[in-house]
Amino acid sequence: MLVWVLVANPNRAFYERLGGVTVAEGTIRLGGDTVKEPALVWSDLDSTLHSYGGRVFR
């Protein structure tokens, strides 16, 4: 799974705690500004979800 997340998004830490690894970084235009946007990847999402016993999404 791959997620693009704004660098200033406070929820970015949540994705990183779930094991998301930054593999690329892009930029987008948002409200007239250029904003960095890293791509976080999980190579084995099934294992990630099982390691949390589904509690993450409850």
PDB file of N, CA and C in Angstrom:
ATOM      1  N   MET A   1       0.846  -1.166   0.000  1.00  0.00           N
ATOM      2  CA  MET A   1       0.000   0.000   0.000  1.00  0.00           C
ATOM      3  C   MET A   1       0.894   1.232   0.000  1.00  0.00           C
ATOM      4  N   LEU A   2       0.463   2.256  -0.685  1.00  0.00           N
ATOM      5  CA  LEU A   2       1.200   3.505  -0.759  1.00  0.00           C
ATOM      6  C   LEU A   2       0.251   4.649  -0.417  1.00  0.00           C
ATOM      7  N   VAL A   3       0.725   5.581   0.407  1.00  0.00           N
ATOM      8  CA  VAL A   3      -0.057   6.756   0.793  1.00  0.00           C
ATOM      9  C   VAL A   3       0.803   7.992   0.603  1.00  0.00           C
ATOM     10  N   TRP A   4       0.267   8.996  -0.099  1.00  0.00           N
ATOM     11  CA  TRP A   4       0.915  10.298  -0.168  1.00  0.00           C
ATOM     12  C   TRP A   4       0.317  11.139   0.952  1.00  0.00           C
ATOM     13  N   VAL A   5       1.165  11.765   1.763  1.00  0.00           N
ATOM     14  CA  VAL A   5       0.688  12.555   2.895  1.00  0.00           C
ATOM     15  C   VAL A   5       1.445  13.879   2.948  1.00  0.00           C
ATOM     16  N   LEU A   6       0.740  14.955   3.212  1.00  0.00           N
ATOM     17  CA  LEU A   6       1.403  16.255   3.310  1.00  0.00           C
ATOM     18  C   LEU A   6       2.407  16.226   4.455  1.00  0.00           C
ATOM     19  N   VAL A   7       3.574  16.805   4.243  1.00  0.00           N
ATOM     20  CA  VAL A   7       4.640  16.766   5.240  1.00  0.00           C
ATOM     21  C   VAL A   7       4.203  17.412   6.561  1.00  0.00           C
ATOM     22  N   ALA A   8       3.327  18.413   6.510  1.00  0.00           N
ATOM     23  CA  ALA A   8       2.885  19.095   7.726  1.00  0.00           C
ATOM     24  C   ALA A   8       1.637  18.461   8.342  1.00  0.00           C
ATOM     25  N   ASN A   9       1.135  17.397   7.757  1.00  0.00           N
ATOM     26  CA  ASN A   9      -0.057  16.729   8.281  1.00  0.00           C
ATOM     27  C   ASN A   9       0.279  16.067   9.620  1.00  0.00           C
ATOM     28  N   PRO A  10      -0.399  16.440  10.714  1.00  0.00           N
ATOM     29  CA  PRO A  10      -0.091  15.841  12.015  1.00  0.00           C
ATOM     30  C   PRO A  10      -0.375  14.342  12.056  1.00  0.00           C
ATOM     31  N   ASN A  11      -1.187  13.838  11.145  1.00  0.00           N
ATOM     32  CA  ASN A  11      -1.473  12.404  11.106  1.00  0.00           C
ATOM     33  C   ASN A  11      -0.357  11.601  10.450  1.00  0.00           C
ATOM     34  N   ARG A  12       0.616  12.269   9.907  1.00  0.00           N
ATOM     35  CA  ARG A  12       1.758  11.581   9.297  1.00  0.00           C
ATOM     36  C   ARG A  12       2.433  10.669  10.320  1.00  0.00           C
ATOM     37  N   ALA A  13       2.538  11.116  11.556  1.00  0.00           N
ATOM     38  CA  ALA A  13       3.163  10.306  12.615  1.00  0.00           C
ATOM     39  C   ALA A  13       2.399   9.001  12.829  1.00  0.00           C
ATOM     40  N   PHE A  14       1.081   9.039  12.672  1.00  0.00           N
ATOM     41  CA  PHE A  14       0.262   7.829  12.794  1.00  0.00           C
ATOM     42  C   PHE A  14       0.683   6.807  11.747  1.00  0.00           C
ATOM     43  N   TYR A  15       0.817   7.251  10.506  1.00  0.00           N
ATOM     44  CA  TYR A  15       1.223   6.347   9.429  1.00  0.00           C
ATOM     45  C   TYR A  15       2.619   5.784   9.682  1.00  0.00           C
ATOM     46  N   GLU A  16       3.504   6.615  10.188  1.00  0.00           N
ATOM     47  CA  GLU A  16       4.864   6.150  10.469  1.00  0.00           C
ATOM     48  C   GLU A  16       4.882   5.148  11.618  1.00  0.00           C
ATOM     49  N   ARG A  17       4.045   5.365  12.641  1.00  0.00           N
ATOM     50  CA  ARG A  17       3.960   4.404  13.742  1.00  0.00           C
ATOM     51  C   ARG A  17       3.431   3.055  13.270  1.00  0.00           C
ATOM     52  N   LEU A  18       2.633   3.073  12.221  1.00  0.00           N
ATOM     53  CA  LEU A  18       2.125   1.825  11.651  1.00  0.00           C
ATOM     54  C   LEU A  18       3.140   1.143  10.744  1.00  0.00           C
ATOM     55  N   GLY A  19       4.327   1.731  10.625  1.00  0.00           N
ATOM     56  CA  GLY A  19       5.391   1.102   9.849  1.00  0.00           C
ATOM     57  C   GLY A  19       5.561   1.627   8.439  1.00  0.00           C
ATOM     58  N   GLY A  20       4.847   2.702   8.089  1.00  0.00           N
ATOM     59  CA  GLY A  20       5.023   3.296   6.766  1.00  0.00           C
ATOM     60  C   GLY A  20       6.438   3.832   6.598  1.00  0.00           C
ATOM     61  N   VAL A  21       7.045   3.535   5.473  1.00  0.00           N
ATOM     62  CA  VAL A  21       8.423   3.939   5.181  1.00  0.00           C
ATOM     63  C   VAL A  21       8.399   4.917   4.003  1.00  0.00           C
ATOM     64  N   THR A  22       9.074   6.048   4.155  1.00  0.00           N
ATOM     65  CA  THR A  22       9.148   7.029   3.076  1.00  0.00           C
ATOM     66  C   THR A  22      10.030   6.488   1.962  1.00  0.00           C
ATOM     67  N   VAL A  23       9.467   6.431   0.750  1.00  0.00           N
ATOM     68  CA  VAL A  23      10.212   5.912  -0.406  1.00  0.00           C
ATOM     69  C   VAL A  23      10.391   6.954  -1.497  1.00  0.00           C
ATOM     70  N   ALA A  24       9.647   8.046  -1.408  1.00  0.00           N
ATOM     71  CA  ALA A  24       9.742   9.111  -2.411  1.00  0.00           C
ATOM     72  C   ALA A  24       9.188  10.388  -1.808  1.00  0.00           C
ATOM     73  N   GLU A  25       9.500  11.497  -2.432  1.00  0.00           N
ATOM     74  CA  GLU A  25       8.928  12.767  -1.991  1.00  0.00           C
ATOM     75  C   GLU A  25       8.612  13.608  -3.211  1.00  0.00           C
ATOM     76  N   GLY A  26       7.398  14.112  -3.247  1.00  0.00           N
ATOM     77  CA  GLY A  26       6.979  14.976  -4.337  1.00  0.00           C
ATOM     78  C   GLY A  26       6.543  16.318  -3.777  1.00  0.00           C
ATOM     79  N   THR A  27       6.055  17.161  -4.654  1.00  0.00           N
ATOM     80  CA  THR A  27       5.489  18.443  -4.246  1.00  0.00           C
ATOM     81  C   THR A  27       4.170  18.634  -4.977  1.00  0.00           C
ATOM     82  N   ILE A  28       3.253  19.350  -4.335  1.00  0.00           N
ATOM     83  CA  ILE A  28       1.992  19.711  -4.958  1.00  0.00           C
ATOM     84  C   ILE A  28       1.734  21.189  -4.700  1.00  0.00           C
ATOM     85  N   ARG A  29       0.869  21.771  -5.508  1.00  0.00           N
ATOM     86  CA  ARG A  29       0.432  23.154  -5.296  1.00  0.00           C
ATOM     87  C   ARG A  29      -0.848  23.097  -4.488  1.00  0.00           C
ATOM     88  N   LEU A  30      -0.876  23.830  -3.376  1.00  0.00           N
ATOM     89  CA  LEU A  30      -2.026  23.818  -2.484  1.00  0.00           C
ATOM     90  C   LEU A  30      -2.254  25.234  -1.981  1.00  0.00           C
ATOM     91  N   GLY A  31      -3.362  25.829  -2.362  1.00  0.00           N
ATOM     92  CA  GLY A  31      -3.669  27.191  -1.924  1.00  0.00           C
ATOM     93  C   GLY A  31      -2.624  28.212  -2.335  1.00  0.00           C
ATOM     94  N   GLY A  32      -2.032  28.018  -3.487  1.00  0.00           N
ATOM     95  CA  GLY A  32      -1.019  28.956  -3.963  1.00  0.00           C
ATOM     96  C   GLY A  32       0.385  28.680  -3.452  1.00  0.00           C
ATOM     97  N   ASP A  33       0.548  27.691  -2.584  1.00  0.00           N
ATOM     98  CA  ASP A  33       1.862  27.332  -2.045  1.00  0.00           C
ATOM     99  C   ASP A  33       2.313  25.992  -2.619  1.00  0.00           C
ATOM    100  N   THR A  34       3.610  25.776  -2.636  1.00  0.00           N
ATOM    101  CA  THR A  34       4.163  24.473  -2.986  1.00  0.00           C
ATOM    102  C   THR A  34       4.445  23.736  -1.687  1.00  0.00           C
ATOM    103  N   VAL A  35       3.893  22.531  -1.581  1.00  0.00           N
ATOM    104  CA  VAL A  35       3.965  21.761  -0.336  1.00  0.00           C
ATOM    105  C   VAL A  35       4.622  20.408  -0.614  1.00  0.00           C
ATOM    106  N   LYS A  36       5.531  19.998   0.274  1.00  0.00           N
ATOM    107  CA  LYS A  36       6.164  18.683   0.145  1.00  0.00           C
ATOM    108  C   LYS A  36       5.164  17.590   0.544  1.00  0.00           C
ATOM    109  N   GLU A  37       5.299  16.468  -0.147  1.00  0.00           N
ATOM    110  CA  GLU A  37       4.378  15.359   0.056  1.00  0.00           C
ATOM    111  C   GLU A  37       5.145  14.035  -0.059  1.00  0.00           C
ATOM    112  N   PRO A  38       5.554  13.441   1.078  1.00  0.00           N
ATOM    113  CA  PRO A  38       6.246  12.158   1.009  1.00  0.00           C
ATOM    114  C   PRO A  38       5.285  11.008   0.710  1.00  0.00           C
ATOM    115  N   ALA A  39       5.813   9.988   0.071  1.00  0.00           N
ATOM    116  CA  ALA A  39       5.068   8.752  -0.189  1.00  0.00           C
ATOM    117  C   ALA A  39       5.504   7.717   0.832  1.00  0.00           C
ATOM    118  N   LEU A  40       4.556   7.210   1.602  1.00  0.00           N
ATOM    119  CA  LEU A  40       4.834   6.171   2.592  1.00  0.00           C
ATOM    120  C   LEU A  40       4.329   4.838   2.057  1.00  0.00           C
ATOM    121  N   VAL A  41       5.123   3.788   2.234  1.00  0.00           N
ATOM    122  CA  VAL A  41       4.796   2.471   1.701  1.00  0.00           C
ATOM    123  C   VAL A  41       4.848   1.422   2.801  1.00  0.00           C
ATOM    124  N   TRP A  42       3.930   0.479   2.697  1.00  0.00           N
ATOM    125  CA  TRP A  42       3.942  -0.729   3.524  1.00  0.00           C
ATOM    126  C   TRP A  42       4.121  -1.891   2.561  1.00  0.00           C
ATOM    127  N   SER A  43       5.178  -2.667   2.751  1.00  0.00           N
ATOM    128  CA  SER A  43       5.426  -3.769   1.826  1.00  0.00           C
ATOM    129  C   SER A  43       4.545  -4.974   2.141  1.00  0.00           C
ATOM    130  N   ASP A  44       4.130  -5.110   3.394  1.00  0.00           N
ATOM    131  CA  ASP A  44       3.284  -6.241   3.787  1.00  0.00           C
ATOM    132  C   ASP A  44       2.178  -5.724   4.700  1.00  0.00           C
ATOM    133  N   LEU A  45       1.158  -5.165   4.110  1.00  0.00           N
ATOM    134  CA  LEU A  45       0.060  -4.559   4.865  1.00  0.00           C
ATOM    135  C   LEU A  45      -0.673  -5.585   5.720  1.00  0.00           C
ATOM    136  N   ASP A  46      -0.818  -6.795   5.227  1.00  0.00           N
ATOM    137  CA  ASP A  46      -1.513  -7.839   5.987  1.00  0.00           C
ATOM    138  C   ASP A  46      -0.822  -8.090   7.331  1.00  0.00           C
ATOM    139  N   SER A  47       0.498  -8.198   7.310  1.00  0.00           N
ATOM    140  CA  SER A  47       1.246  -8.402   8.558  1.00  0.00           C
ATOM    141  C   SER A  47       1.124  -7.202   9.485  1.00  0.00           C
ATOM    142  N   THR A  48       1.141  -6.005   8.921  1.00  0.00           N
ATOM    143  CA  THR A  48       0.989  -4.787   9.724  1.00  0.00           C
ATOM    144  C   THR A  48      -0.348  -4.791  10.445  1.00  0.00           C
ATOM    145  N   LEU A  49      -1.412  -5.085   9.726  1.00  0.00           N
ATOM    146  CA  LEU A  49      -2.742  -5.097  10.338  1.00  0.00           C
ATOM    147  C   LEU A  49      -2.865  -6.171  11.407  1.00  0.00           C
ATOM    148  N   HIS A  50      -2.313  -7.345  11.141  1.00  0.00           N
ATOM    149  CA  HIS A  50      -2.374  -8.427  12.126  1.00  0.00           C
ATOM    150  C   HIS A  50      -1.548  -8.119  13.370  1.00  0.00           C
ATOM    151  N   SER A  51      -0.450  -7.405  13.212  1.00  0.00           N
ATOM    152  CA  SER A  51       0.405  -7.097  14.367  1.00  0.00           C
ATOM    153  C   SER A  51      -0.307  -6.166  15.353  1.00  0.00           C
ATOM    154  N   TYR A  52      -1.311  -5.435  14.873  1.00  0.00           N
ATOM    155  CA  TYR A  52      -2.081  -4.562  15.735  1.00  0.00           C
ATOM    156  C   TYR A  52      -3.409  -5.175  16.140  1.00  0.00           C
ATOM    157  N   GLY A  53      -3.660  -6.375  15.705  1.00  0.00           N
ATOM    158  CA  GLY A  53      -4.881  -7.076  16.090  1.00  0.00           C
ATOM    159  C   GLY A  53      -6.150  -6.349  15.711  1.00  0.00           C
ATOM    160  N   GLY A  54      -6.085  -5.475  14.728  1.00  0.00           N
ATOM    161  CA  GLY A  54      -7.256  -4.729  14.294  1.00  0.00           C
ATOM    162  C   GLY A  54      -7.603  -3.563  15.196  1.00  0.00           C
ATOM    163  N   ARG A  55      -6.883  -3.374  16.307  1.00  0.00           N
ATOM    164  CA  ARG A  55      -7.200  -2.314  17.259  1.00  0.00           C
ATOM    165  C   ARG A  55      -7.019  -0.928  16.701  1.00  0.00           C
ATOM    166  N   VAL A  56      -6.201  -0.766  15.690  1.00  0.00           N
ATOM    167  CA  VAL A  56      -5.899   0.541  15.121  1.00  0.00           C
ATOM    168  C   VAL A  56      -7.167   1.185  14.573  1.00  0.00           C
ATOM    169  N   PHE A  57      -8.050   0.392  14.031  1.00  0.00           N
ATOM    170  CA  PHE A  57      -9.202   0.926  13.314  1.00  0.00           C
ATOM    171  C   PHE A  57     -10.490   0.883  14.115  1.00  0.00           C
ATOM    172  N   ARG A  58     -10.422   0.627  15.393  1.00  0.00           N
ATOM    173  CA  ARG A  58     -11.629   0.585  16.214  1.00  0.00           C
ATOM    174  C   ARG A  58     -11.803   1.868  16.976  1.00  0.00           C
TER     175      ARG A  58
END
